C-alpha atoms as a PDB file:
ATOM      1  CA  MET A   1       4.036  13.598  16.067  1.00  0.00           C
ATOM      2  CA  SER A   2       0.280  13.718  16.363  1.00  0.00           C
ATOM      3  CA  ASP A   3      -1.922  11.600  14.138  1.00  0.00           C
ATOM      4  CA  PRO A   4      -3.373  14.672  12.343  1.00  0.00           C
ATOM      5  CA  ASP A   5       0.178  15.935  11.644  1.00  0.00           C
ATOM      6  CA  CYS A   6       1.148  12.532  10.284  1.00  0.00           C
ATOM      7  CA  LYS A   7      -1.947  12.359   8.075  1.00  0.00           C
ATOM      8  CA  LEU A   8      -1.267  15.845   6.710  1.00  0.00           C
ATOM      9  CA  LEU A   9       2.371  14.988   5.939  1.00  0.00           C
ATOM     10  CA  ASP A  10       1.340  11.698   4.357  1.00  0.00           C
ATOM     11  CA  SER A  11      -1.134  13.532   2.161  1.00  0.00           C
ATOM     12  CA  GLN A  12       1.482  16.116   1.178  1.00  0.00           C
ATOM     13  CA  LEU A  13       4.018  13.371   0.439  1.00  0.00           C
ATOM     14  CA  ARG A  14       1.594  11.537  -1.840  1.00  0.00           C
ATOM     15  CA  VAL A  15       0.817  14.721  -3.776  1.00  0.00           C
ATOM     16  CA  LEU A  16       4.485  15.685  -4.086  1.00  0.00           C
ATOM     17  CA  LEU A  17       5.523  12.231  -5.324  1.00  0.00           C
ATOM     18  CA  ALA A  18       2.453  11.405  -7.408  1.00  0.00           C
ATOM     19  CA  ASP A  19       4.061  12.080 -10.777  1.00  0.00           C
ATOM     20  CA  GLU A  20       7.732  11.794  -9.817  1.00  0.00           C
ATOM     21  CA  THR A  21       9.498   8.868 -11.487  1.00  0.00           C
ATOM     22  CA  ASP A  22      13.067   9.554 -10.380  1.00  0.00           C
ATOM     23  CA  ALA A  23      14.031   7.751  -7.156  1.00  0.00           C
ATOM     24  CA  LEU A  24      16.697  10.276  -6.158  1.00  0.00           C
ATOM     25  CA  ALA A  25      14.289  13.181  -6.591  1.00  0.00           C
ATOM     26  CA  SER A  26      11.617  11.329  -4.591  1.00  0.00           C
ATOM     27  CA  ALA A  27      14.028  10.673  -1.725  1.00  0.00           C
ATOM     28  CA  SER A  28      15.147  14.312  -1.745  1.00  0.00           C
ATOM     29  CA  ILE A  29      11.561  15.540  -1.580  1.00  0.00           C
ATOM     30  CA  PHE A  30      10.779  13.120   1.266  1.00  0.00           C
ATOM     31  CA  VAL A  31      13.787  14.295   3.272  1.00  0.00           C
ATOM     32  CA  ALA A  32      13.052  17.999   2.707  1.00  0.00           C
ATOM     33  CA  LEU A  33       9.383  17.572   3.626  1.00  0.00           C
ATOM     34  CA  LEU A  34      10.166  15.857   6.926  1.00  0.00           C
ATOM     35  CA  TYR A  35      13.097  18.113   7.825  1.00  0.00           C
ATOM     36  CA  ASN A  36      10.907  21.183   7.528  1.00  0.00           C
ATOM     37  CA  ALA A  37       7.965  19.612   9.388  1.00  0.00           C
ATOM     38  CA  ILE A  38       9.629  18.068  12.448  1.00  0.00           C
ATOM     39  CA  ASN A  39      10.608  20.448  15.243  1.00  0.00           C
ATOM     40  CA  ASP A  40      13.795  20.356  17.297  1.00  0.00           C
ATOM     41  CA  ILE A  41      15.965  18.319  14.949  1.00  0.00           C
ATOM     42  CA  ASN A  42      19.410  19.115  13.585  1.00  0.00           C
ATOM     43  CA  TRP A  43      19.848  16.407  10.946  1.00  0.00           C
ATOM     44  CA  LEU A  44      17.604  14.216   8.800  1.00  0.00           C
ATOM     45  CA  GLY A  45      18.617  11.983   5.947  1.00  0.00           C
ATOM     46  CA  ILE A  46      18.538   8.673   4.179  1.00  0.00           C
ATOM     47  CA  TYR A  47      21.321   6.127   4.136  1.00  0.00           C
ATOM     48  CA  VAL A  48      20.969   3.822   1.128  1.00  0.00           C
ATOM     49  CA  LEU A  49      21.932   0.149   1.247  1.00  0.00           C
ATOM     50  CA  ARG A  50      24.648  -0.431  -1.349  1.00  0.00           C
ATOM     51  CA  GLY A  51      26.965  -3.393  -1.542  1.00  0.00           C
ATOM     52  CA  GLY A  52      26.294  -4.475   2.030  1.00  0.00           C
ATOM     53  CA  GLU A  53      26.845  -1.056   3.622  1.00  0.00           C
ATOM     54  CA  LEU A  54      24.834   2.087   4.218  1.00  0.00           C
ATOM     55  CA  VAL A  55      25.873   5.007   2.014  1.00  0.00           C
ATOM     56  CA  LEU A  56      24.817   8.600   2.608  1.00  0.00           C
ATOM     57  CA  GLY A  57      21.941   9.710   0.396  1.00  0.00           C
ATOM     58  CA  PRO A  58      19.811  12.853   0.418  1.00  0.00           C
ATOM     59  CA  PHE A  59      19.976  14.746   3.705  1.00  0.00           C
ATOM     60  CA  GLN A  60      19.427  18.086   5.427  1.00  0.00           C
ATOM     61  CA  GLY A  61      21.880  19.344   8.046  1.00  0.00           C
ATOM     62  CA  LYS A  62      25.633  19.374   8.564  1.00  0.00           C
ATOM     63  CA  PRO A  63      27.905  17.078   6.540  1.00  0.00           C
ATOM     64  CA  ALA A  64      27.662  13.530   7.863  1.00  0.00           C
ATOM     65  CA  CYS A  65      29.361  10.152   7.876  1.00  0.00           C
ATOM     66  CA  VAL A  66      29.347   8.771   4.336  1.00  0.00           C
ATOM     67  CA  HIS A  67      29.690   5.018   4.932  1.00  0.00           C
ATOM     68  CA  ILE A  68      28.207   3.007   7.813  1.00  0.00           C
ATOM     69  CA  SER A  69      28.562  -0.747   8.150  1.00  0.00           C
ATOM     70  CA  VAL A  70      25.382  -2.741   8.625  1.00  0.00           C
ATOM     71  CA  GLY A  71      25.339  -3.603  12.326  1.00  0.00           C
ATOM     72  CA  SER A  72      27.385  -0.558  13.382  1.00  0.00           C
ATOM     73  CA  GLY A  73      25.952   2.381  15.283  1.00  0.00           C
ATOM     74  CA  VAL A  74      22.273   3.256  15.463  1.00  0.00           C
ATOM     75  CA  CYS A  75      21.774   3.261  11.675  1.00  0.00           C
ATOM     76  CA  GLY A  76      23.586  -0.026  11.157  1.00  0.00           C
ATOM     77  CA  THR A  77      21.651  -1.636  14.003  1.00  0.00           C
ATOM     78  CA  ALA A  78      18.317  -0.560  12.486  1.00  0.00           C
ATOM     79  CA  ALA A  79      19.441  -1.996   9.140  1.00  0.00           C
ATOM     80  CA  ALA A  80      20.640  -5.279  10.645  1.00  0.00           C
ATOM     81  CA  THR A  81      17.566  -5.852  12.828  1.00  0.00           C
ATOM     82  CA  LEU A  82      14.970  -4.274  10.535  1.00  0.00           C
ATOM     83  CA  GLN A  83      13.624  -2.580  13.668  1.00  0.00           C
ATOM     84  CA  THR A  84      13.287   1.103  14.454  1.00  0.00           C
ATOM     85  CA  GLN A  85      15.914   2.349  16.877  1.00  0.00           C
ATOM     86  CA  ARG A  86      14.679   5.179  19.131  1.00  0.00           C
ATOM     87  CA  VAL A  87      17.581   6.350  21.272  1.00  0.00           C
ATOM     88  CA  ALA A  88      16.922   8.825  24.091  1.00  0.00           C
ATOM     89  CA  ASP A  89      20.624   9.546  24.686  1.00  0.00           C
ATOM     90  CA  VAL A  90      23.078   8.627  21.943  1.00  0.00           C
ATOM     91  CA  HIS A  91      25.967   8.730  24.424  1.00  0.00           C
ATOM     92  CA  GLU A  92      24.436   5.706  26.147  1.00  0.00           C
ATOM     93  CA  PHE A  93      24.114   3.682  22.917  1.00  0.00           C
ATOM     94  CA  ASP A  94      26.998   1.222  22.766  1.00  0.00           C
ATOM     95  CA  GLY A  95      28.839   1.750  19.490  1.00  0.00           C
ATOM     96  CA  HIS A  96      27.182   5.064  18.596  1.00  0.00           C
ATOM     97  CA  ILE A  97      28.912   6.729  15.645  1.00  0.00           C
ATOM     98  CA  THR A  98      29.329  10.452  16.223  1.00  0.00           C
ATOM     99  CA  CYS A  99      28.861  12.412  13.022  1.00  0.00           C
ATOM    100  CA  ASP A 100      27.613  15.617  14.692  1.00  0.00           C
ATOM    101  CA  ALA A 101      28.698  16.286  18.281  1.00  0.00           C
ATOM    102  CA  ASP A 102      25.547  18.389  18.792  1.00  0.00           C
ATOM    103  CA  SER A 103      23.231  15.379  18.429  1.00  0.00           C
ATOM    104  CA  ARG A 104      21.831  13.989  21.681  1.00  0.00           C
ATOM    105  CA  SER A 105      18.964  11.728  20.596  1.00  0.00           C
ATOM    106  CA  GLU A 106      18.183   9.815  17.438  1.00  0.00           C
ATOM    107  CA  ILE A 107      15.555   7.766  15.686  1.00  0.00           C
ATOM    108  CA  VAL A 108      16.346   5.477  12.758  1.00  0.00           C
ATOM    109  CA  VAL A 109      13.651   3.689  10.750  1.00  0.00           C
ATOM    110  CA  PRO A 110      14.457   0.892   8.283  1.00  0.00           C
ATOM    111  CA  LEU A 111      13.166   1.554   4.772  1.00  0.00           C
ATOM    112  CA  VAL A 112      11.746  -1.667   3.348  1.00  0.00           C
ATOM    113  CA  SER A 113      10.313  -1.861  -0.162  1.00  0.00           C
ATOM    114  CA  ASN A 114       8.855  -5.019  -1.675  1.00  0.00           C
ATOM    115  CA  GLY A 115      10.116  -6.957   1.363  1.00  0.00           C
ATOM    116  CA  GLU A 116      13.694  -5.793   0.879  1.00  0.00           C
ATOM    117  CA  LEU A 117      15.788  -3.349   2.923  1.00  0.00           C
ATOM    118  CA  ILE A 118      16.669  -0.361   0.735  1.00  0.00           C
ATOM    119  CA  GLY A 119      18.093   1.920   3.421  1.00  0.00           C
ATOM    120  CA  VAL A 120      17.266   3.768   6.625  1.00  0.00           C
ATOM    121  CA  LEU A 121      15.826   7.132   7.547  1.00  0.00           C
ATOM    122  CA  ASP A 122      17.956   8.782  10.235  1.00  0.00           C
ATOM    123  CA  ILE A 123      16.793  11.754  12.332  1.00  0.00           C
ATOM    124  CA  ASP A 124      18.960  13.450  14.975  1.00  0.00           C
ATOM    125  CA  SER A 125      18.078  16.020  17.616  1.00  0.00           C
ATOM    126  CA  PRO A 126      20.203  18.218  19.876  1.00  0.00           C
ATOM    127  CA  ILE A 127      17.660  17.492  22.651  1.00  0.00           C
ATOM    128  CA  THR A 128      17.975  14.400  24.839  1.00  0.00           C
ATOM    129  CA  ASP A 129      14.898  12.146  24.686  1.00  0.00           C
ATOM    130  CA  ARG A 130      13.403  14.194  21.832  1.00  0.00           C
ATOM    131  CA  PHE A 131      11.475  11.365  20.133  1.00  0.00           C
ATOM    132  CA  SER A 132       8.314   9.927  21.687  1.00  0.00           C
ATOM    133  CA  ILE A 133       6.470   6.724  20.903  1.00  0.00           C
ATOM    134  CA  SER A 134       3.941   8.907  19.054  1.00  0.00           C
ATOM    135  CA  ASP A 135       6.787  10.382  16.967  1.00  0.00           C
ATOM    136  CA  GLN A 136       8.043   6.898  16.219  1.00  0.00           C
ATOM    137  CA  THR A 137       4.624   5.686  15.103  1.00  0.00           C
ATOM    138  CA  GLY A 138       4.111   8.702  12.842  1.00  0.00           C
ATOM    139  CA  ILE A 139       7.584   8.545  11.299  1.00  0.00           C
ATOM    140  CA  GLU A 140       7.222   4.804  10.689  1.00  0.00           C
ATOM    141  CA  LYS A 141       3.897   5.401   8.893  1.00  0.00           C
ATOM    142  CA  LEU A 142       5.496   8.078   6.714  1.00  0.00           C
ATOM    143  CA  CYS A 143       8.413   5.773   5.897  1.00  0.00           C
ATOM    144  CA  GLN A 144       5.962   3.028   4.971  1.00  0.00           C
ATOM    145  CA  SER A 145       4.137   5.415   2.633  1.00  0.00           C
ATOM    146  CA  PHE A 146       7.416   6.533   1.086  1.00  0.00           C
ATOM    147  CA  CYS A 147       8.488   2.924   0.528  1.00  0.00           C
ATOM    148  CA  GLU A 148       5.119   2.019  -1.010  1.00  0.00           C
ATOM    149  CA  LEU A 149       5.463   4.927  -3.416  1.00  0.00           C
ATOM    150  CA  GLN A 150       9.128   4.109  -3.998  1.00  0.00           C
ATOM    151  CA  GLY A 151       8.371   0.444  -4.680  1.00  0.00           C
ATOM    152  CA  ALA A 152       6.548   1.411  -7.858  1.00  0.00           C
ATOM    153  CA  ARG A 153       9.756   2.915  -9.253  1.00  0.00           C
ATOM    154  CA  ASP A 154      12.985   1.437 -10.486  1.00  0.00           C
ATOM    155  CA  LYS A 155      15.838   0.605  -8.123  1.00  0.00           C
ATOM    156  CA  PHE A 156      16.128   2.981  -5.166  1.00  0.00           C
ATOM    157  CA  ILE A 157      18.559   5.805  -5.866  1.00  0.00           C
END
């Protein structure tokens, strides 16, 4: 994701969420915006941290796994380490959880608001090695913006 693309999406996100006070609606808008802006992906969604596990939140794509343990799979690893997981080939990731057999690569970014993990953003692609370092940087910036905007609201989702 180029820097101009990221800046445009960030600007659009800020406009779309400027007056929105509902956390679920904000998350849904964020997911829809990214899903329609990022090429060559087949799934994009948020898993929300609830009671020590990740629970499926707003998403675009095929039905997905509903519950993921922190520490399990790519999403759980991102949540446990608070570090973005960019996986070129999900079949080579030890413990990968297959929700959609068509997915080949994945990027998962922890969502941290007010210093606290609130969930993860998960993006899958049917193309091996789909996500570049540039994509990672842009997606992380967008997640940071979303979390800053989200932090001004009540509890996430």
